[in-house]
Amino acid sequence: MISNIFKPKKQQLIQEGQQNITLGKLVKFSHYETIFKYSFFAVLFVISLYSLDVIQFQQFLKEKNLRRFDWSDLKWMIIGLIMIHITKEINRYLVFDYVSKSLDQKYVGLDRQLRVQKIIKWIYDTFYYSIATIFAYIVFKDEKWFPTELGGSNFTETMYDFPNMPDNPWVPFYYMIQASSHVHALLLLMVYGTKIELKYWEYLLHHFLAVSLLYFSTIYNCESIGIVVLVLHDISDIFLAYGRTYADIGKNKILVYVSFSAIQISWLYTRVYVFPIKIYDIIVNHPGFSLYWENTKHALFNQVGLMIVLFGMHIYWTIFMVKVGIGIFSAGKYKNVYDNRENKLDNKKEN
């Protein structure tokens, strides 16, 4: 269904936008995309340098008889990919008509079709991230590596018991299901994104960072880092997905304000406050790395480096979020200055 909508539409979308696009916006858009494009290839090059080290690290774990990932647990990722694809199709079937009827009438034609697809995705994301967050809190909240800032009750250090894999039976299941979600998103972007996404390189860098963090944290027995990063992202993503959905199909302006306030609070707390604290904690408090420094130092560099790049993207997105917030609370009007076409291509709805 998506392919039928997107396949012939790329050139039409660009031509439609070019009728009203300003030079300033075009330069700004191109500038951002160029930065993300080169950033993507830079990250790709750097992580390719770890090819030999991941093999050596696995040999080190085997020699020391340390707990490590059981590759038979990859079955959960395969199952997850299948289930995510099926549940997304079910979600689309259930909410498509409702979203189409409820969507603000300012969206017309192709723009309306694209927005319907995005809202359907956001509805799914709201439920997925809610379930993932609740599950993670229930099964991991008492772990010594689960942070107090996210509700942990027994926190000692983020890298507790490293270089062993975290000793919790739910780690492989949770990790592979989450990996399947991010791999699915990356594959969809690579297949359909080039046809329609005007921020393709930005999204590609983000999804690639997420998948890379999951892969390397599994190889390097840093699942405790990965779980913390996943949870703090999922918490804000719940409010982000719901808020973006309600802003376009909701009728109560007060609830728009409330939902956007929830987005701001959850985002700033988890991604701008807690996330850098965890990065700092890993840098300065890593006795497990120090004990086997020659064998583990590249794992530390890898995880911290990827998280710093991801945090940089958070700051970039925070700027747009603040702009939206200023528009809502000062002008009393929701104007999305981030999502596709609303700030990159001037639509007739803004005239």
Protein backbone atom coordinates (compact mmCIF):
# COMPACT_ATOMS: atom_id res chain seq x y z
CA MET A 1 0.00 0.00 0.00
CA ILE A 2 2.82 2.39 0.92
CA SER A 3 4.70 1.63 -2.27
CA ASN A 4 1.61 2.35 -4.36
CA ILE A 5 1.40 5.83 -2.85
CA PHE A 6 5.11 6.67 -2.77
CA LYS A 7 6.49 5.07 -5.93
CA PRO A 8 5.45 7.64 -8.54
CA LYS A 9 5.36 10.61 -6.21
CA LYS A 10 8.91 11.77 -5.54
CA GLN A 11 9.25 14.07 -8.54
CA GLN A 12 5.70 15.36 -8.10
CA LEU A 13 6.41 16.28 -4.48
CA ILE A 14 9.62 18.12 -5.37
CA GLN A 15 8.02 19.99 -8.27
CA GLU A 16 5.04 20.97 -6.13
CA GLY A 17 7.28 22.30 -3.40
CA GLN A 18 9.56 24.18 -5.77
CA GLN A 19 6.66 26.33 -6.90
CA ASN A 20 6.64 28.14 -3.55
CA ILE A 21 9.96 27.30 -1.90
CA THR A 22 12.18 30.21 -0.89
CA LEU A 23 15.89 30.26 -1.64
CA GLY A 24 16.73 30.64 2.02
CA LYS A 25 14.81 27.52 3.02
CA LEU A 26 16.24 25.52 0.14
CA VAL A 27 19.80 26.47 1.13
CA LYS A 28 19.12 25.69 4.79
CA PHE A 29 17.59 22.32 3.92
CA SER A 30 20.42 21.39 1.58
CA HIS A 31 22.93 22.50 4.19
CA TYR A 32 21.46 20.26 6.88
CA GLU A 33 21.15 17.28 4.59
CA THR A 34 24.71 17.69 3.36
CA ILE A 35 25.99 17.70 6.94
CA PHE A 36 24.02 14.57 7.80
CA LYS A 37 25.12 12.86 4.60
CA TYR A 38 28.82 13.39 5.31
CA SER A 39 28.28 12.56 8.98
CA PHE A 40 26.73 9.25 7.98
CA PHE A 41 29.69 8.28 5.82
CA ALA A 42 32.11 9.43 8.53
CA VAL A 43 30.39 7.22 11.11
CA LEU A 44 30.28 4.34 8.63
CA PHE A 45 34.02 4.67 8.01
CA VAL A 46 34.93 4.86 11.70
CA ILE A 47 32.90 1.84 12.77
CA SER A 48 34.29 -0.18 9.87
CA LEU A 49 37.65 0.12 11.64
CA TYR A 50 36.25 -2.03 14.44
CA SER A 51 35.85 -5.12 12.22
CA LEU A 52 38.96 -6.85 13.56
CA ASP A 53 38.49 -5.68 17.14
CA VAL A 54 35.03 -7.24 17.50
CA ILE A 55 36.52 -10.62 16.55
CA GLN A 56 39.36 -10.19 19.03
CA PHE A 57 36.92 -9.12 21.76
CA GLN A 58 34.82 -12.24 21.28
CA GLN A 59 37.98 -14.35 21.52
CA PHE A 60 38.89 -12.51 24.73
CA LEU A 61 35.47 -13.30 26.25
CA LYS A 62 35.84 -16.94 25.31
CA GLU A 63 39.36 -17.19 26.76
CA LYS A 64 38.27 -15.60 30.05
CA ASN A 65 35.11 -17.71 30.16
CA LEU A 66 32.96 -14.59 30.58
CA ARG A 67 29.22 -14.44 29.98
CA ARG A 68 28.44 -13.40 26.41
CA PHE A 69 25.57 -13.26 23.98
CA ASP A 70 24.21 -16.62 22.83
CA TRP A 71 23.78 -16.27 19.08
CA SER A 72 20.91 -18.74 19.12
CA ASP A 73 18.92 -15.87 20.67
CA LEU A 74 18.93 -14.22 17.25
CA LYS A 75 15.72 -16.17 16.76
CA TRP A 76 13.97 -13.46 18.79
CA MET A 77 15.02 -10.83 16.27
CA ILE A 78 13.66 -12.90 13.39
CA ILE A 79 10.41 -13.44 15.29
CA GLY A 80 10.36 -9.74 16.17
CA LEU A 81 10.75 -8.64 12.55
CA ILE A 82 7.84 -10.83 11.52
CA MET A 83 5.61 -9.72 14.40
CA ILE A 84 6.40 -6.03 13.94
CA HIS A 85 5.57 -6.21 10.25
CA ILE A 86 2.30 -8.04 10.95
CA THR A 87 1.22 -5.76 13.80
CA LYS A 88 2.00 -2.65 11.75
CA GLU A 89 -0.23 -3.92 8.95
CA ILE A 90 -2.99 -4.69 11.46
CA ASN A 91 -2.62 -1.20 12.94
CA ARG A 92 -2.84 0.35 9.47
CA TYR A 93 -5.99 -1.64 8.71
CA LEU A 94 -7.66 -0.62 11.98
CA VAL A 95 -6.91 3.11 12.03
CA PHE A 96 -6.59 4.14 8.38
CA ASP A 97 -10.23 5.21 7.93
CA TYR A 98 -10.35 6.99 11.28
CA VAL A 99 -7.16 8.94 10.60
CA SER A 100 -8.28 9.84 7.07
CA LYS A 101 -11.56 11.27 8.35
CA SER A 102 -10.09 13.01 11.41
CA LEU A 103 -7.05 14.63 9.81
CA ASP A 104 -7.06 18.42 9.67
CA GLN A 105 -8.52 19.66 6.39
CA LYS A 106 -5.48 21.88 5.75
CA TYR A 107 -3.81 18.77 4.33
CA VAL A 108 -4.92 18.08 0.77
CA GLY A 109 -3.97 15.80 -2.12
CA LEU A 110 -0.59 14.13 -1.93
CA ASP A 111 0.25 15.99 1.25
CA ARG A 112 -2.80 14.46 2.93
CA GLN A 113 -1.87 10.93 1.82
CA LEU A 114 1.62 11.32 3.22
CA ARG A 115 0.40 12.77 6.50
CA VAL A 116 -2.10 9.92 6.97
CA GLN A 117 0.75 7.41 6.63
CA LYS A 118 2.86 9.28 9.17
CA ILE A 119 0.04 9.48 11.70
CA ILE A 120 -0.66 5.76 11.33
CA LYS A 121 3.01 5.17 12.13
CA TRP A 122 2.88 7.51 15.14
CA ILE A 123 -0.17 5.70 16.54
CA TYR A 124 1.69 2.40 16.29
CA ASP A 125 4.79 3.95 17.86
CA THR A 126 2.77 5.26 20.81
CA PHE A 127 1.63 1.75 21.71
CA TYR A 128 4.94 0.06 20.91
CA TYR A 129 7.08 2.42 22.98
CA SER A 130 4.60 2.29 25.86
CA ILE A 131 4.70 -1.50 25.99
CA ALA A 132 8.49 -1.60 25.59
CA THR A 133 9.00 0.95 28.38
CA ILE A 134 6.65 -0.75 30.84
CA PHE A 135 8.24 -4.15 30.13
CA ALA A 136 11.79 -2.81 30.58
CA TYR A 137 10.89 -1.09 33.85
CA ILE A 138 9.30 -4.23 35.29
CA VAL A 139 12.14 -6.62 34.43
CA PHE A 140 15.17 -4.31 34.81
CA LYS A 141 14.33 -1.74 37.51
CA ASP A 142 16.15 -3.69 40.24
CA GLU A 143 19.35 -4.19 38.25
CA LYS A 144 22.46 -2.44 39.57
CA TRP A 145 23.01 -0.82 36.16
CA PHE A 146 19.47 0.57 35.75
CA PRO A 147 19.65 4.31 36.55
CA THR A 148 17.85 5.95 39.44
CA GLU A 149 16.84 8.79 37.09
CA LEU A 150 14.64 6.32 35.18
CA GLY A 151 13.15 4.66 38.26
CA GLY A 152 15.91 2.18 39.12
CA SER A 153 15.93 1.05 42.75
CA ASN A 154 19.39 -0.48 43.11
CA PHE A 155 21.75 1.52 40.88
CA THR A 156 25.51 1.14 41.34
CA GLU A 157 27.08 1.90 37.96
CA THR A 158 26.02 1.70 34.31
CA MET A 159 28.74 -0.84 33.49
CA TYR A 160 28.18 -3.03 36.53
CA ASP A 161 29.79 -6.50 36.19
CA PHE A 162 31.38 -5.66 32.82
CA PRO A 163 32.94 -7.34 30.83
CA ASN A 164 30.32 -9.98 31.62
CA MET A 165 27.01 -9.77 29.82
CA PRO A 166 24.26 -8.55 32.18
CA ASP A 167 22.98 -11.48 34.21
CA ASN A 168 19.27 -11.09 33.58
CA PRO A 169 17.36 -13.76 31.59
CA TRP A 170 15.18 -11.13 29.88
CA VAL A 171 18.09 -9.25 28.31
CA PRO A 172 18.39 -11.34 25.09
CA PHE A 173 14.63 -11.32 24.45
CA TYR A 174 14.20 -7.58 25.08
CA TYR A 175 17.33 -6.69 23.17
CA MET A 176 16.49 -8.70 20.07
CA ILE A 177 12.89 -7.47 19.93
CA GLN A 178 14.13 -3.88 20.17
CA ALA A 179 16.79 -4.63 17.55
CA SER A 180 14.11 -5.98 15.22
CA SER A 181 12.13 -2.74 15.59
CA HIS A 182 15.12 -0.58 14.69
CA VAL A 183 16.25 -2.85 11.86
CA HIS A 184 12.70 -2.81 10.47
CA ALA A 185 12.66 1.01 10.57
CA LEU A 186 16.05 1.18 8.87
CA LEU A 187 15.01 -1.21 6.11
CA LEU A 188 11.76 0.68 5.46
CA LEU A 189 13.68 3.94 5.23
CA MET A 190 16.20 2.46 2.79
CA VAL A 191 13.45 1.01 0.60
CA TYR A 192 10.88 3.84 0.66
CA GLY A 193 12.76 6.81 2.13
CA THR A 194 14.74 7.63 -0.99
CA LYS A 195 11.44 8.03 -2.84
CA ILE A 196 9.82 10.57 -0.55
CA GLU A 197 11.77 11.61 2.57
CA LEU A 198 13.23 15.10 2.22
CA LYS A 199 15.31 14.48 5.34
CA TYR A 200 16.53 11.08 4.19
CA TRP A 201 20.15 11.43 5.32
CA GLU A 202 19.12 12.78 8.71
CA TYR A 203 16.84 9.81 9.33
CA LEU A 204 19.38 7.37 7.87
CA LEU A 205 22.08 8.62 10.23
CA HIS A 206 19.77 8.29 13.23
CA HIS A 207 18.54 4.79 12.36
CA PHE A 208 22.05 3.68 11.50
CA LEU A 209 23.34 4.96 14.84
CA ALA A 210 20.59 3.09 16.67
CA VAL A 211 21.28 -0.20 14.86
CA SER A 212 25.04 0.26 15.27
CA LEU A 213 24.69 0.85 19.01
CA LEU A 214 22.58 -2.29 19.33
CA TYR A 215 25.02 -4.37 17.28
CA PHE A 216 28.23 -3.20 18.95
CA SER A 217 26.76 -3.23 22.46
CA THR A 218 25.82 -6.87 21.84
CA ILE A 219 29.28 -7.75 20.51
CA TYR A 220 31.02 -5.86 23.33
CA ASN A 221 28.78 -7.14 26.17
CA CYS A 222 27.55 -3.58 26.75
CA GLU A 223 23.85 -4.46 26.77
CA SER A 224 23.42 -2.50 30.00
CA ILE A 225 24.38 0.64 28.07
CA GLY A 226 22.04 -0.28 25.24
CA ILE A 227 19.07 -0.92 27.51
CA VAL A 228 19.51 2.40 29.30
CA VAL A 229 19.74 4.24 25.96
CA LEU A 230 16.68 2.40 24.63
CA VAL A 231 14.55 3.15 27.70
CA LEU A 232 15.37 6.85 27.92
CA HIS A 233 14.59 7.20 24.20
CA ASP A 234 11.37 5.18 24.41
CA ILE A 235 10.00 7.26 27.27
CA SER A 236 10.16 10.50 25.31
CA ASP A 237 9.09 8.75 22.09
CA ILE A 238 5.77 7.80 23.72
CA PHE A 239 4.85 11.45 24.23
CA LEU A 240 6.43 12.53 20.96
CA ALA A 241 4.45 10.06 18.85
CA TYR A 242 1.18 10.75 20.69
CA GLY A 243 1.66 14.52 20.66
CA ARG A 244 2.37 14.68 16.93
CA THR A 245 -0.67 12.50 16.29
CA TYR A 246 -3.06 14.54 18.43
CA ALA A 247 -1.79 17.83 17.00
CA ASP A 248 -3.16 16.80 13.59
CA ILE A 249 -6.31 14.83 14.48
CA GLY A 250 -7.23 16.20 17.90
CA LYS A 251 -10.01 18.75 18.34
CA ASN A 252 -9.28 20.08 21.84
CA LYS A 253 -6.71 22.90 21.78
CA ILE A 254 -6.02 22.57 25.51
CA LEU A 255 -5.05 18.93 25.04
CA VAL A 256 -2.70 20.00 22.24
CA TYR A 257 -0.97 22.29 24.75
CA VAL A 258 -0.89 19.55 27.39
CA SER A 259 0.47 16.91 25.03
CA PHE A 260 3.15 19.22 23.72
CA SER A 261 4.14 20.17 27.27
CA ALA A 262 4.53 16.45 28.00
CA ILE A 263 6.75 16.13 24.92
CA GLN A 264 8.96 18.99 26.06
CA ILE A 265 9.31 17.76 29.64
CA SER A 266 9.98 14.11 28.77
CA TRP A 267 12.38 15.02 25.94
CA LEU A 268 14.42 17.54 27.93
CA TYR A 269 14.58 15.27 30.96
CA THR A 270 15.54 12.01 29.27
CA ARG A 271 17.52 13.11 26.20
CA VAL A 272 19.06 16.40 27.25
CA TYR A 273 19.52 15.76 30.99
CA VAL A 274 19.75 12.02 31.73
CA PHE A 275 21.49 10.93 28.52
CA PRO A 276 24.64 13.08 28.94
CA ILE A 277 24.78 12.08 32.61
CA LYS A 278 24.96 8.43 31.55
CA ILE A 279 27.64 9.21 28.95
CA TYR A 280 29.70 10.96 31.63
CA ASP A 281 29.15 8.09 34.07
CA ILE A 282 30.48 5.58 31.54
CA ILE A 283 33.53 7.74 30.77
CA VAL A 284 34.61 8.31 34.39
CA ASN A 285 33.28 5.18 36.12
CA HIS A 286 34.28 2.01 34.30
CA PRO A 287 36.23 -0.36 36.59
CA GLY A 288 35.38 -3.30 34.32
CA PHE A 289 37.09 -1.59 31.42
CA SER A 290 40.09 -0.64 33.56
CA LEU A 291 40.60 -4.22 34.73
CA TYR A 292 41.07 -5.48 31.16
CA TRP A 293 41.94 -2.15 29.55
CA GLU A 294 43.96 -3.44 26.60
CA ASN A 295 41.15 -5.80 25.65
CA THR A 296 38.20 -3.50 26.32
CA LYS A 297 39.33 0.07 25.56
CA HIS A 298 38.02 -0.02 22.00
CA ALA A 299 34.61 -1.10 23.28
CA LEU A 300 34.54 1.99 25.50
CA PHE A 301 35.60 4.28 22.65
CA ASN A 302 32.99 2.74 20.36
CA GLN A 303 30.04 3.05 22.73
CA VAL A 304 30.86 6.53 23.99
CA GLY A 305 31.57 7.79 20.47
CA LEU A 306 28.28 6.56 19.07
CA MET A 307 26.36 8.00 22.02
CA ILE A 308 28.02 11.41 21.65
CA VAL A 309 27.03 11.58 17.97
CA LEU A 310 23.48 10.58 18.90
CA PHE A 311 23.41 13.23 21.63
CA GLY A 312 24.45 15.81 19.04
CA MET A 313 21.37 14.91 17.02
CA HIS A 314 19.28 15.36 20.17
CA ILE A 315 20.52 18.93 20.53
CA TYR A 316 19.69 19.60 16.88
CA TRP A 317 16.13 18.27 17.32
CA THR A 318 15.72 20.15 20.60
CA ILE A 319 16.18 23.44 18.72
CA PHE A 320 13.23 22.62 16.47
CA MET A 321 11.16 21.48 19.44
CA VAL A 322 11.73 24.78 21.21
CA LYS A 323 10.68 26.64 18.06
CA VAL A 324 7.43 24.67 17.92
CA GLY A 325 6.86 25.34 21.62
CA ILE A 326 7.37 29.08 21.17
CA GLY A 327 4.83 29.07 18.37
CA ILE A 328 2.25 27.20 20.43
CA PHE A 329 2.53 29.14 23.66
CA SER A 330 3.18 32.61 22.26
CA ALA A 331 1.03 32.65 19.12
CA GLY A 332 -1.50 30.07 20.27
CA LYS A 333 -1.05 28.18 17.03
CA TYR A 334 0.46 24.77 16.33
CA LYS A 335 2.78 25.09 13.37
CA ASN A 336 5.13 22.15 12.86
CA VAL A 337 8.46 23.58 11.71
CA TYR A 338 10.13 20.19 11.59
CA ASP A 339 8.05 17.45 9.99
CA ASN A 340 8.40 16.84 6.28
CA ARG A 341 7.39 19.57 3.84
CA GLU A 342 6.02 21.95 6.47
CA ASN A 343 9.34 23.73 6.75
CA LYS A 344 11.19 22.40 3.71
CA LEU A 345 8.59 22.94 1.05
CA ASP A 346 6.10 25.79 1.35
CA ASN A 347 2.67 24.26 0.78
CA LYS A 348 -0.44 26.02 -0.37
CA LYS A 349 -1.91 25.48 3.08
CA GLU A 350 0.51 28.02 4.48
CA ASN A 351 -0.49 30.70 1.95
